[in-house]
C-alpha atoms as a PDB file:
ATOM      1  CA  UNK A   1     142.053 -16.789  71.845  1.00  0.00           C
ATOM      2  CA  UNK A   2     139.050 -16.901  69.477  1.00  0.00           C
ATOM      3  CA  UNK A   3     138.075 -20.342  70.795  1.00  0.00           C
ATOM      4  CA  UNK A   4     138.342 -19.066  74.373  1.00  0.00           C
ATOM      5  CA  UNK A   5     136.118 -16.089  73.605  1.00  0.00           C
ATOM      6  CA  UNK A   6     133.428 -18.330  72.067  1.00  0.00           C
ATOM      7  CA  UNK A   7     133.414 -20.404  75.258  1.00  0.00           C
ATOM      8  CA  UNK A   8     133.241 -17.150  77.234  1.00  0.00           C
ATOM      9  CA  UNK A   9     130.242 -15.982  75.178  1.00  0.00           C
ATOM     10  CA  UNK A  10     128.404 -19.295  75.534  1.00  0.00           C
ATOM     11  CA  UNK A  11     128.905 -19.267  79.292  1.00  0.00           C
ATOM     12  CA  UNK A  12     128.006 -15.643  79.979  1.00  0.00           C
ATOM     13  CA  UNK A  13     125.520 -14.824  77.203  1.00  0.00           C
ATOM     14  CA  UNK A  14     122.752 -17.423  77.309  1.00  0.00           C
ATOM     15  CA  UNK A  15     119.779 -17.229  74.972  1.00  0.00           C
ATOM     16  CA  UNK A  16     117.027 -14.715  75.601  1.00  0.00           C
ATOM     17  CA  UNK A  17     114.716 -17.559  76.603  1.00  0.00           C
ATOM     18  CA  UNK A  18     117.111 -18.889  79.258  1.00  0.00           C
ATOM     19  CA  UNK A  19     117.686 -15.361  80.552  1.00  0.00           C
ATOM     20  CA  UNK A  20     113.943 -14.926  81.035  1.00  0.00           C
ATOM     21  CA  UNK A  21     113.748 -18.228  82.905  1.00  0.00           C
ATOM     22  CA  UNK A  22     116.342 -16.951  85.378  1.00  0.00           C
ATOM     23  CA  UNK A  23     114.130 -13.985  86.210  1.00  0.00           C
ATOM     24  CA  UNK A  24     113.915 -10.311  85.314  1.00  0.00           C
ATOM     25  CA  UNK A  25     115.882  -7.519  86.979  1.00  0.00           C
ATOM     26  CA  UNK A  26     114.853  -6.616  90.559  1.00  0.00           C
ATOM     27  CA  UNK A  27     113.938  -3.061  91.672  1.00  0.00           C
ATOM     28  CA  UNK A  28     117.112  -0.996  91.912  1.00  0.00           C
ATOM     29  CA  UNK A  29     117.976   2.697  92.160  1.00  0.00           C
ATOM     30  CA  UNK A  30     121.443   4.125  91.559  1.00  0.00           C
ATOM     31  CA  UNK A  31     122.417   7.641  92.585  1.00  0.00           C
ATOM     32  CA  UNK A  32     125.535   9.292  91.209  1.00  0.00           C
ATOM     33  CA  UNK A  33     126.204  12.588  92.928  1.00  0.00           C
ATOM     34  CA  UNK A  34     128.507  15.508  93.415  1.00  0.00           C
ATOM     35  CA  UNK A  35     129.789  16.095  96.923  1.00  0.00           C
ATOM     36  CA  UNK A  36     127.535  18.674  98.531  1.00  0.00           C
ATOM     37  CA  UNK A  37     124.494  17.922  96.353  1.00  0.00           C
ATOM     38  CA  UNK A  38     122.669  15.973  99.054  1.00  0.00           C
ATOM     39  CA  UNK A  39     122.891  12.586  97.335  1.00  0.00           C
ATOM     40  CA  UNK A  40     123.542  10.554 100.470  1.00  0.00           C
ATOM     41  CA  UNK A  41     120.776  12.250 102.442  1.00  0.00           C
ATOM     42  CA  UNK A  42     118.401  11.686  99.538  1.00  0.00           C
ATOM     43  CA  UNK A  43     119.289   7.981  99.342  1.00  0.00           C
ATOM     44  CA  UNK A  44     118.663   7.531 103.067  1.00  0.00           C
ATOM     45  CA  UNK A  45     115.330   9.362 102.864  1.00  0.00           C
ATOM     46  CA  UNK A  46     114.228   7.206  99.935  1.00  0.00           C
ATOM     47  CA  UNK A  47     115.036   4.008 101.830  1.00  0.00           C
ATOM     48  CA  UNK A  48     113.261   5.318 104.916  1.00  0.00           C
ATOM     49  CA  UNK A  49     110.104   6.271 103.030  1.00  0.00           C
ATOM     50  CA  UNK A  50     109.939   3.140 100.890  1.00  0.00           C
ATOM     51  CA  UNK A  51     110.562   1.028 103.988  1.00  0.00           C
ATOM     52  CA  UNK A  52     111.852  -2.521 104.262  1.00  0.00           C
ATOM     53  CA  UNK A  53     113.410  -4.293 102.449  1.00  0.00           C
ATOM     54  CA  UNK A  54     114.906  -1.203 100.766  1.00  0.00           C
ATOM     55  CA  UNK A  55     118.482  -0.466 101.866  1.00  0.00           C
ATOM     56  CA  UNK A  56     121.252   1.985 100.943  1.00  0.00           C
ATOM     57  CA  UNK A  57     124.665   0.681  99.858  1.00  0.00           C
ATOM     58  CA  UNK A  58     127.257   3.456  99.749  1.00  0.00           C
ATOM     59  CA  UNK A  59     130.913   2.983  98.834  1.00  0.00           C
ATOM     60  CA  UNK A  60     131.943   2.472 102.468  1.00  0.00           C
ATOM     61  CA  UNK A  61     129.521  -0.444 102.889  1.00  0.00           C
ATOM     62  CA  UNK A  62     130.369  -1.946  99.498  1.00  0.00           C
ATOM     63  CA  UNK A  63     134.105  -1.767 100.265  1.00  0.00           C
ATOM     64  CA  UNK A  64     133.479  -3.287 103.702  1.00  0.00           C
ATOM     65  CA  UNK A  65     131.618  -6.242 102.175  1.00  0.00           C
ATOM     66  CA  UNK A  66     134.370  -6.687  99.584  1.00  0.00           C
ATOM     67  CA  UNK A  67     136.938  -7.030 102.378  1.00  0.00           C
ATOM     68  CA  UNK A  68     134.871  -9.298 104.651  1.00  0.00           C
ATOM     69  CA  UNK A  69     134.123 -12.848 103.496  1.00  0.00           C
ATOM     70  CA  UNK A  70     131.403 -13.336 106.130  1.00  0.00           C
ATOM     71  CA  UNK A  71     129.533 -10.208 105.000  1.00  0.00           C
ATOM     72  CA  UNK A  72     129.851 -11.282 101.373  1.00  0.00           C
ATOM     73  CA  UNK A  73     128.425 -14.725 102.174  1.00  0.00           C
ATOM     74  CA  UNK A  74     125.540 -13.079 104.033  1.00  0.00           C
ATOM     75  CA  UNK A  75     124.843 -10.951 100.961  1.00  0.00           C
ATOM     76  CA  UNK A  76     124.861 -14.003  98.688  1.00  0.00           C
ATOM     77  CA  UNK A  77     122.491 -15.883 101.007  1.00  0.00           C
ATOM     78  CA  UNK A  78     120.007 -12.986 100.787  1.00  0.00           C
ATOM     79  CA  UNK A  79     119.707 -13.322  96.993  1.00  0.00           C
ATOM     80  CA  UNK A  80     117.248 -15.608  95.231  1.00  0.00           C
ATOM     81  CA  UNK A  81     119.460 -18.520  94.022  1.00  0.00           C
ATOM     82  CA  UNK A  82     117.763 -18.348  90.620  1.00  0.00           C
ATOM     83  CA  UNK A  83     119.180 -14.850  90.167  1.00  0.00           C
ATOM     84  CA  UNK A  84     122.812 -15.639  90.988  1.00  0.00           C
ATOM     85  CA  UNK A  85     123.736 -16.663  87.398  1.00  0.00           C
ATOM     86  CA  UNK A  86     122.844 -13.106  86.367  1.00  0.00           C
ATOM     87  CA  UNK A  87     125.966 -11.868  88.180  1.00  0.00           C
ATOM     88  CA  UNK A  88     128.216 -13.338  85.506  1.00  0.00           C
ATOM     89  CA  UNK A  89     125.888 -12.184  82.732  1.00  0.00           C
ATOM     90  CA  UNK A  90     125.915  -8.601  84.017  1.00  0.00           C
ATOM     91  CA  UNK A  91     129.701  -8.558  84.345  1.00  0.00           C
ATOM     92  CA  UNK A  92     130.261  -9.993  80.883  1.00  0.00           C
ATOM     93  CA  UNK A  93     127.839  -7.595  79.218  1.00  0.00           C
ATOM     94  CA  UNK A  94     129.476  -4.605  80.872  1.00  0.00           C
ATOM     95  CA  UNK A  95     133.160  -5.486  80.486  1.00  0.00           C
ATOM     96  CA  UNK A  96     133.444  -8.269  77.913  1.00  0.00           C
ATOM     97  CA  UNK A  97     137.052  -9.259  77.191  1.00  0.00           C
ATOM     98  CA  UNK A  98     138.347  -6.327  79.288  1.00  0.00           C
ATOM     99  CA  UNK A  99     137.278  -7.912  82.594  1.00  0.00           C
ATOM    100  CA  UNK A 100     140.299 -10.257  83.020  1.00  0.00           C
ATOM    101  CA  UNK A 101     142.630  -7.269  82.572  1.00  0.00           C
ATOM    102  CA  UNK A 102     141.223  -5.421  85.584  1.00  0.00           C
ATOM    103  CA  UNK A 103     143.041  -5.656  88.908  1.00  0.00           C
ATOM    104  CA  UNK A 104     142.043  -8.310  91.427  1.00  0.00           C
ATOM    105  CA  UNK A 105     140.538  -5.662  93.690  1.00  0.00           C
ATOM    106  CA  UNK A 106     138.512  -4.150  90.846  1.00  0.00           C
ATOM    107  CA  UNK A 107     137.138  -7.545  89.803  1.00  0.00           C
ATOM    108  CA  UNK A 108     136.126  -8.366  93.364  1.00  0.00           C
ATOM    109  CA  UNK A 109     134.546  -4.942  93.876  1.00  0.00           C
ATOM    110  CA  UNK A 110     132.521  -5.404  90.699  1.00  0.00           C
ATOM    111  CA  UNK A 111     131.388  -8.823  91.912  1.00  0.00           C
ATOM    112  CA  UNK A 112     130.108  -7.345  95.180  1.00  0.00           C
ATOM    113  CA  UNK A 113     128.384  -4.455  93.410  1.00  0.00           C
ATOM    114  CA  UNK A 114     126.708  -6.894  91.044  1.00  0.00           C
ATOM    115  CA  UNK A 115     125.480  -9.019  93.951  1.00  0.00           C
ATOM    116  CA  UNK A 116     124.115  -5.907  95.674  1.00  0.00           C
ATOM    117  CA  UNK A 117     122.188  -5.087  92.513  1.00  0.00           C
ATOM    118  CA  UNK A 118     120.824  -8.620  92.199  1.00  0.00           C
ATOM    119  CA  UNK A 119     119.581  -8.494  95.782  1.00  0.00           C
ATOM    120  CA  UNK A 120     117.072  -5.903  94.689  1.00  0.00           C
ATOM    121  CA  UNK A 121     115.232  -3.228  96.647  1.00  0.00           C
ATOM    122  CA  UNK A 122     118.567  -1.449  96.983  1.00  0.00           C
ATOM    123  CA  UNK A 123     119.817   2.081  96.453  1.00  0.00           C
ATOM    124  CA  UNK A 124     123.434   2.057  95.301  1.00  0.00           C
ATOM    125  CA  UNK A 125     125.222   5.314  95.966  1.00  0.00           C
ATOM    126  CA  UNK A 126     128.080   6.095  93.597  1.00  0.00           C
ATOM    127  CA  UNK A 127     130.764   3.674  92.401  1.00  0.00           C
ATOM    128  CA  UNK A 128     129.512   4.002  88.798  1.00  0.00           C
ATOM    129  CA  UNK A 129     126.707   1.533  89.513  1.00  0.00           C
ATOM    130  CA  UNK A 130     124.544   2.973  86.722  1.00  0.00           C
ATOM    131  CA  UNK A 131     126.982   1.526  84.174  1.00  0.00           C
ATOM    132  CA  UNK A 132     126.534  -1.960  85.656  1.00  0.00           C
ATOM    133  CA  UNK A 133     122.743  -1.713  85.830  1.00  0.00           C
ATOM    134  CA  UNK A 134     121.243   0.105  82.828  1.00  0.00           C
ATOM    135  CA  UNK A 135     117.848  -1.399  83.771  1.00  0.00           C
ATOM    136  CA  UNK A 136     117.883   0.441  87.131  1.00  0.00           C
ATOM    137  CA  UNK A 137     116.396   3.850  87.807  1.00  0.00           C
ATOM    138  CA  UNK A 138     119.621   5.791  87.321  1.00  0.00           C
ATOM    139  CA  UNK A 139     119.788   9.224  88.904  1.00  0.00           C
ATOM    140  CA  UNK A 140     122.474  11.924  88.858  1.00  0.00           C
ATOM    141  CA  UNK A 141     122.440  14.661  91.512  1.00  0.00           C
ATOM    142  CA  UNK A 142     124.367  17.892  90.989  1.00  0.00           C
ATOM    143  CA  UNK A 143     124.489  21.330  92.592  1.00  0.00           C
ATOM    144  CA  UNK A 144     125.944  24.750  91.829  1.00  0.00           C
ATOM    145  CA  UNK A 145     129.507  25.034  93.085  1.00  0.00           C
ATOM    146  CA  UNK A 146     128.870  27.922  95.498  1.00  0.00           C
ATOM    147  CA  UNK A 147     125.914  26.088  97.007  1.00  0.00           C
ATOM    148  CA  UNK A 148     128.021  22.956  97.448  1.00  0.00           C
ATOM    149  CA  UNK A 149     130.625  25.018  99.301  1.00  0.00           C
ATOM    150  CA  UNK A 150     127.978  26.575 101.544  1.00  0.00           C
ATOM    151  CA  UNK A 151     126.421  23.229 102.429  1.00  0.00           C
ATOM    152  CA  UNK A 152     129.793  21.646 103.123  1.00  0.00           C
ATOM    153  CA  UNK A 153     130.747  24.524 105.422  1.00  0.00           C
ATOM    154  CA  UNK A 154     127.384  24.319 107.212  1.00  0.00           C
ATOM    155  CA  UNK A 155     127.039  20.583 107.709  1.00  0.00           C
ATOM    156  CA  UNK A 156     130.696  19.627 108.063  1.00  0.00           C
ATOM    157  CA  UNK A 157     131.625  22.699 110.144  1.00  0.00           C
ATOM    158  CA  UNK A 158     134.676  23.499 108.038  1.00  0.00           C
ATOM    159  CA  UNK A 159     136.178  26.659 106.548  1.00  0.00           C
ATOM    160  CA  UNK A 160     135.526  27.781 102.981  1.00  0.00           C
ATOM    161  CA  UNK A 161     139.061  26.886 101.759  1.00  0.00           C
ATOM    162  CA  UNK A 162     138.716  23.426 103.310  1.00  0.00           C
ATOM    163  CA  UNK A 163     135.285  22.955 101.720  1.00  0.00           C
ATOM    164  CA  UNK A 164     136.635  23.905  98.288  1.00  0.00           C
ATOM    165  CA  UNK A 165     139.590  21.549  98.722  1.00  0.00           C
ATOM    166  CA  UNK A 166     137.358  18.611  99.693  1.00  0.00           C
ATOM    167  CA  UNK A 167     134.958  19.205  96.821  1.00  0.00           C
ATOM    168  CA  UNK A 168     137.705  19.462  94.214  1.00  0.00           C
ATOM    169  CA  UNK A 169     139.449  16.342  95.526  1.00  0.00           C
ATOM    170  CA  UNK A 170     136.165  14.439  95.586  1.00  0.00           C
ATOM    171  CA  UNK A 171     135.285  15.450  92.015  1.00  0.00           C
ATOM    172  CA  UNK A 172     138.710  14.330  90.809  1.00  0.00           C
ATOM    173  CA  UNK A 173     138.661  11.004  92.686  1.00  0.00           C
ATOM    174  CA  UNK A 174     135.158  10.069  91.525  1.00  0.00           C
ATOM    175  CA  UNK A 175     135.895  10.950  87.907  1.00  0.00           C
ATOM    176  CA  UNK A 176     139.129   8.940  87.885  1.00  0.00           C
ATOM    177  CA  UNK A 177     137.505   5.953  89.622  1.00  0.00           C
ATOM    178  CA  UNK A 178     134.636   5.647  87.147  1.00  0.00           C
ATOM    179  CA  UNK A 179     136.860   6.230  84.113  1.00  0.00           C
ATOM    180  CA  UNK A 180     139.363   3.587  85.260  1.00  0.00           C
ATOM    181  CA  UNK A 181     136.622   1.022  85.821  1.00  0.00           C
ATOM    182  CA  UNK A 182     134.011   1.735  83.150  1.00  0.00           C
ATOM    183  CA  UNK A 183     135.784   3.940  80.577  1.00  0.00           C
ATOM    184  CA  UNK A 184     132.997   6.506  80.834  1.00  0.00           C
ATOM    185  CA  UNK A 185     132.660  10.107  81.940  1.00  0.00           C
ATOM    186  CA  UNK A 186     130.065   9.889  84.702  1.00  0.00           C
ATOM    187  CA  UNK A 187     129.228  13.600  84.475  1.00  0.00           C
ATOM    188  CA  UNK A 188     127.493  13.204  81.086  1.00  0.00           C
ATOM    189  CA  UNK A 189     123.727  13.563  81.468  1.00  0.00           C
ATOM    190  CA  UNK A 190     122.807  10.907  78.897  1.00  0.00           C
ATOM    191  CA  UNK A 191     124.083   8.168  81.232  1.00  0.00           C
ATOM    192  CA  UNK A 192     121.081   8.761  83.507  1.00  0.00           C
ATOM    193  CA  UNK A 193     117.299   8.644  83.471  1.00  0.00           C
ATOM    194  CA  UNK A 194     117.168  11.933  85.348  1.00  0.00           C
ATOM    195  CA  UNK A 195     119.579  14.641  86.492  1.00  0.00           C
ATOM    196  CA  UNK A 196     118.443  16.691  89.504  1.00  0.00           C
ATOM    197  CA  UNK A 197     120.103  19.973  90.455  1.00  0.00           C
ATOM    198  CA  UNK A 198     119.493  20.604  94.127  1.00  0.00           C
ATOM    199  CA  UNK A 199     119.661  24.051  95.673  1.00  0.00           C
ATOM    200  CA  UNK A 200     117.370  26.711  97.129  1.00  0.00           C
ATOM    201  CA  UNK A 201     114.561  25.797  94.699  1.00  0.00           C
ATOM    202  CA  UNK A 202     114.902  21.988  94.792  1.00  0.00           C
ATOM    203  CA  UNK A 203     115.612  20.560  98.218  1.00  0.00           C
ATOM    204  CA  UNK A 204     116.708  17.086  99.248  1.00  0.00           C
ATOM    205  CA  UNK A 205     113.084  16.416 100.203  1.00  0.00           C
ATOM    206  CA  UNK A 206     111.937  17.496  96.730  1.00  0.00           C
ATOM    207  CA  UNK A 207     114.517  15.214  95.100  1.00  0.00           C
ATOM    208  CA  UNK A 208     113.408  12.338  97.322  1.00  0.00           C
ATOM    209  CA  UNK A 209     109.757  12.763  96.335  1.00  0.00           C
ATOM    210  CA  UNK A 210     110.611  12.937  92.628  1.00  0.00           C
ATOM    211  CA  UNK A 211     112.744   9.783  92.731  1.00  0.00           C
ATOM    212  CA  UNK A 212     110.206   7.822  94.775  1.00  0.00           C
ATOM    213  CA  UNK A 213     107.438   8.761  92.344  1.00  0.00           C
ATOM    214  CA  UNK A 214     109.551   7.587  89.399  1.00  0.00           C
ATOM    215  CA  UNK A 215     110.530   4.373  91.221  1.00  0.00           C
ATOM    216  CA  UNK A 216     106.902   3.525  91.978  1.00  0.00           C
ATOM    217  CA  UNK A 217     105.990   3.990  88.319  1.00  0.00           C
ATOM    218  CA  UNK A 218     108.979   2.103  86.967  1.00  0.00           C
ATOM    219  CA  UNK A 219     108.893  -0.851  89.353  1.00  0.00           C
ATOM    220  CA  UNK A 220     105.115  -0.948  89.971  1.00  0.00           C
ATOM    221  CA  UNK A 221     105.606  -0.724  93.747  1.00  0.00           C
END
């Protein structure tokens, strides 16, 4: 086992010099959010205002790519070939010896998420992407519970009990997903560069402007 791990380290942890030759990390924004905080709307506004080639990858799109070989091949073809070796490096740094013990679906999902990150000029919504890409601009969006209920009732046209049920189920599912994959509590503020609490005083538009300003400074765009 020790011999195997040394081979694993040599393969996935090249020297700093060789890592630099592969190329530095591309521009990437991750947004972790509570249901009803406006995270998805913010991500779409950011992509719209930054323009091409920026694109939003939410969990539906990531899952779709993971289940479709053609879409996955299209994603790979859009990445600079010199960056592709970084996929294994990122995975190994994040999971180490734990990676082989994950389920087949989890390993494949991580592969797709890593490729999305390597593509660059992407906004990854949820899925614990901030734990895969510490170099990204990692944002957490939250909102007071009553405000989340109000927004869910307004935009989804549902009753208050149904809004509460959806929010509670979403909070539980997201927490369990991230903990099962990354062994972290995604609600902790120190996992992010910035936590934004939307509401009457900070709108989705305000959050968008703040994140874009930070992205332009961080990525020199």
